[in-house]
Amino acid sequence: MLNATAEAATADIARRLGCGTGLPVLRIDRLYRDRELRPLELAVNHFNPDRYSCRLQLRRVDPGGLDRGAR
């Protein structure tokens, strides 16, 4: 699972990222699971949007199993 949101930088996060307190930063939470889908690790990361971007490419998969690529 991946969740991306924007939130205001706390004083600690602003200091670590080199931005102003209260400015919007990108927060990405990623939940890693094992083969049985049990949670292993929740990684919470903050990024200064002046130095980072996140891009996703979504593909539609044919229910019959044939990948038809991006639409």
N, C-alpha and C. Protein backbone atom coordinates (compact mmCIF):
# COMPACT_ATOMS: atom_id res chain seq x y z
N MET A 1 0.84 -1.16 0.00
CA MET A 1 0.00 0.00 0.00
C MET A 1 0.90 1.24 0.00
N LEU A 2 0.53 2.20 -0.80
CA LEU A 2 1.24 3.47 -0.84
C LEU A 2 0.21 4.57 -0.73
N ASN A 3 0.48 5.53 0.15
CA ASN A 3 -0.41 6.66 0.34
C ASN A 3 0.43 7.93 0.28
N ALA A 4 0.05 8.86 -0.59
CA ALA A 4 0.77 10.13 -0.72
C ALA A 4 -0.17 11.27 -0.38
N THR A 5 0.26 12.15 0.52
CA THR A 5 -0.53 13.30 0.92
C THR A 5 0.40 14.51 1.10
N ALA A 6 -0.21 15.66 1.22
CA ALA A 6 0.55 16.87 1.55
C ALA A 6 0.19 17.25 2.98
N GLU A 7 1.18 17.73 3.72
CA GLU A 7 0.93 18.20 5.09
C GLU A 7 1.89 19.32 5.42
N ALA A 8 1.54 20.09 6.43
CA ALA A 8 2.39 21.19 6.87
C ALA A 8 3.60 20.65 7.62
N ALA A 9 4.77 21.18 7.28
CA ALA A 9 6.01 20.73 7.92
C ALA A 9 6.05 21.18 9.39
N THR A 10 6.29 20.24 10.28
CA THR A 10 6.54 20.59 11.68
C THR A 10 7.92 21.22 11.76
N ALA A 11 8.26 21.78 12.91
CA ALA A 11 9.59 22.38 13.08
C ALA A 11 10.69 21.36 12.85
N ASP A 12 10.52 20.14 13.35
CA ASP A 12 11.53 19.10 13.18
C ASP A 12 11.67 18.69 11.72
N ILE A 13 10.56 18.46 11.04
CA ILE A 13 10.61 18.07 9.62
C ILE A 13 11.19 19.21 8.79
N ALA A 14 10.80 20.44 9.05
CA ALA A 14 11.32 21.59 8.31
C ALA A 14 12.84 21.70 8.46
N ARG A 15 13.33 21.48 9.67
CA ARG A 15 14.78 21.54 9.91
C ARG A 15 15.49 20.45 9.11
N ARG A 16 14.94 19.24 9.11
CA ARG A 16 15.57 18.12 8.40
C ARG A 16 15.53 18.29 6.88
N LEU A 17 14.45 18.90 6.37
CA LEU A 17 14.29 19.05 4.92
C LEU A 17 14.86 20.37 4.40
N GLY A 18 15.16 21.29 5.31
CA GLY A 18 15.68 22.58 4.89
C GLY A 18 14.62 23.48 4.28
N CYS A 19 13.43 23.43 4.86
CA CYS A 19 12.35 24.30 4.39
C CYS A 19 11.74 25.02 5.59
N GLY A 20 10.79 25.88 5.35
CA GLY A 20 10.16 26.63 6.43
C GLY A 20 9.11 25.83 7.18
N THR A 21 9.00 26.10 8.47
CA THR A 21 7.96 25.48 9.29
C THR A 21 6.59 25.88 8.75
N GLY A 22 5.71 24.92 8.64
CA GLY A 22 4.35 25.18 8.17
C GLY A 22 4.18 25.10 6.66
N LEU A 23 5.28 25.05 5.91
CA LEU A 23 5.17 24.93 4.46
C LEU A 23 4.71 23.52 4.09
N PRO A 24 4.00 23.37 2.97
CA PRO A 24 3.54 22.03 2.59
C PRO A 24 4.70 21.14 2.16
N VAL A 25 4.68 19.91 2.62
CA VAL A 25 5.65 18.90 2.21
C VAL A 25 4.88 17.66 1.77
N LEU A 26 5.53 16.84 0.97
CA LEU A 26 4.93 15.60 0.50
C LEU A 26 5.22 14.50 1.52
N ARG A 27 4.17 13.82 1.96
CA ARG A 27 4.32 12.69 2.88
C ARG A 27 3.91 11.43 2.13
N ILE A 28 4.80 10.46 2.11
CA ILE A 28 4.50 9.18 1.46
C ILE A 28 4.63 8.08 2.51
N ASP A 29 3.53 7.38 2.73
CA ASP A 29 3.49 6.23 3.63
C ASP A 29 3.48 4.97 2.77
N ARG A 30 4.34 4.02 3.10
CA ARG A 30 4.41 2.77 2.34
C ARG A 30 4.36 1.61 3.32
N LEU A 31 3.38 0.73 3.15
CA LEU A 31 3.24 -0.45 3.99
C LEU A 31 3.79 -1.66 3.23
N TYR A 32 4.80 -2.29 3.80
CA TYR A 32 5.40 -3.49 3.22
C TYR A 32 4.81 -4.71 3.92
N ARG A 33 4.50 -5.74 3.12
CA ARG A 33 3.89 -6.96 3.65
C ARG A 33 4.70 -8.18 3.22
N ASP A 34 4.53 -9.27 3.97
CA ASP A 34 5.18 -10.52 3.58
C ASP A 34 4.28 -11.29 2.60
N ARG A 35 4.69 -12.49 2.24
CA ARG A 35 3.93 -13.27 1.26
C ARG A 35 2.53 -13.65 1.73
N GLU A 36 2.35 -13.70 3.03
CA GLU A 36 1.02 -14.00 3.58
C GLU A 36 0.22 -12.73 3.84
N LEU A 37 0.73 -11.60 3.35
CA LEU A 37 0.12 -10.28 3.46
C LEU A 37 0.08 -9.72 4.88
N ARG A 38 0.94 -10.25 5.75
CA ARG A 38 1.06 -9.70 7.10
C ARG A 38 1.93 -8.45 7.03
N PRO A 39 1.56 -7.40 7.76
CA PRO A 39 2.37 -6.18 7.75
C PRO A 39 3.76 -6.44 8.32
N LEU A 40 4.79 -5.94 7.61
CA LEU A 40 6.16 -6.06 8.07
C LEU A 40 6.73 -4.72 8.53
N GLU A 41 6.46 -3.68 7.74
CA GLU A 41 7.06 -2.38 8.03
C GLU A 41 6.19 -1.28 7.46
N LEU A 42 6.02 -0.21 8.21
CA LEU A 42 5.37 1.00 7.72
C LEU A 42 6.44 2.08 7.64
N ALA A 43 6.76 2.51 6.43
CA ALA A 43 7.75 3.56 6.22
C ALA A 43 7.01 4.87 5.99
N VAL A 44 7.34 5.89 6.78
CA VAL A 44 6.74 7.22 6.63
C VAL A 44 7.86 8.17 6.25
N ASN A 45 7.74 8.76 5.06
CA ASN A 45 8.78 9.64 4.54
C ASN A 45 8.20 11.01 4.20
N HIS A 46 9.00 12.04 4.43
CA HIS A 46 8.62 13.41 4.08
C HIS A 46 9.60 13.94 3.06
N PHE A 47 9.09 14.67 2.06
CA PHE A 47 9.92 15.19 0.98
C PHE A 47 9.61 16.66 0.75
N ASN A 48 10.66 17.44 0.51
CA ASN A 48 10.52 18.83 0.15
C ASN A 48 10.11 18.87 -1.32
N PRO A 49 8.92 19.39 -1.66
CA PRO A 49 8.48 19.36 -3.05
C PRO A 49 9.33 20.21 -3.99
N ASP A 50 10.16 21.09 -3.44
CA ASP A 50 11.09 21.84 -4.28
C ASP A 50 12.19 20.95 -4.83
N ARG A 51 12.40 19.79 -4.20
CA ARG A 51 13.50 18.90 -4.59
C ARG A 51 13.05 17.49 -4.98
N TYR A 52 11.76 17.25 -4.95
CA TYR A 52 11.30 15.89 -5.17
C TYR A 52 9.94 15.91 -5.85
N SER A 53 9.71 14.96 -6.72
CA SER A 53 8.37 14.76 -7.30
C SER A 53 8.08 13.27 -7.32
N CYS A 54 6.84 12.95 -7.36
CA CYS A 54 6.41 11.55 -7.38
C CYS A 54 5.51 11.37 -8.60
N ARG A 55 5.87 10.42 -9.46
CA ARG A 55 5.08 10.16 -10.66
C ARG A 55 4.65 8.70 -10.65
N LEU A 56 3.42 8.47 -11.05
CA LEU A 56 2.88 7.12 -11.13
C LEU A 56 2.38 6.87 -12.54
N GLN A 57 2.58 5.68 -13.03
CA GLN A 57 2.02 5.27 -14.31
C GLN A 57 1.05 4.15 -14.02
N LEU A 58 -0.20 4.35 -14.36
CA LEU A 58 -1.23 3.35 -14.12
C LEU A 58 -1.52 2.61 -15.42
N ARG A 59 -1.68 1.30 -15.32
CA ARG A 59 -2.01 0.49 -16.48
C ARG A 59 -3.29 -0.27 -16.22
N ARG A 60 -4.07 -0.42 -17.25
CA ARG A 60 -5.28 -1.23 -17.16
C ARG A 60 -4.92 -2.65 -17.57
N VAL A 61 -5.34 -3.63 -16.79
CA VAL A 61 -5.05 -5.02 -17.09
C VAL A 61 -6.36 -5.70 -17.47
N ASP A 62 -6.34 -6.41 -18.58
CA ASP A 62 -7.50 -7.14 -19.06
C ASP A 62 -7.88 -8.19 -18.03
N PRO A 63 -9.18 -8.29 -17.65
CA PRO A 63 -9.59 -9.30 -16.67
C PRO A 63 -9.21 -10.72 -17.08
N GLY A 64 -9.03 -10.95 -18.41
CA GLY A 64 -8.63 -12.27 -18.89
C GLY A 64 -7.14 -12.51 -18.74
N GLY A 65 -6.41 -11.50 -18.22
CA GLY A 65 -4.99 -11.67 -17.97
C GLY A 65 -4.09 -11.03 -19.02
N LEU A 66 -4.65 -10.47 -20.07
CA LEU A 66 -3.85 -9.85 -21.11
C LEU A 66 -3.66 -8.38 -20.78
N ASP A 67 -2.44 -7.94 -20.71
CA ASP A 67 -2.11 -6.54 -20.42
C ASP A 67 -2.28 -5.74 -21.71
N ARG A 68 -3.17 -4.75 -21.69
CA ARG A 68 -3.38 -3.90 -22.86
C ARG A 68 -2.64 -2.59 -22.77
N GLY A 69 -1.80 -2.41 -21.73
CA GLY A 69 -1.00 -1.20 -21.60
C GLY A 69 -1.78 -0.02 -21.06
N ALA A 70 -1.11 1.15 -21.05
CA ALA A 70 -1.71 2.38 -20.52
C ALA A 70 -2.78 2.88 -21.46
N ARG A 71 -3.78 3.50 -20.91
CA ARG A 71 -4.87 4.10 -21.70
C ARG A 71 -4.94 5.57 -21.43
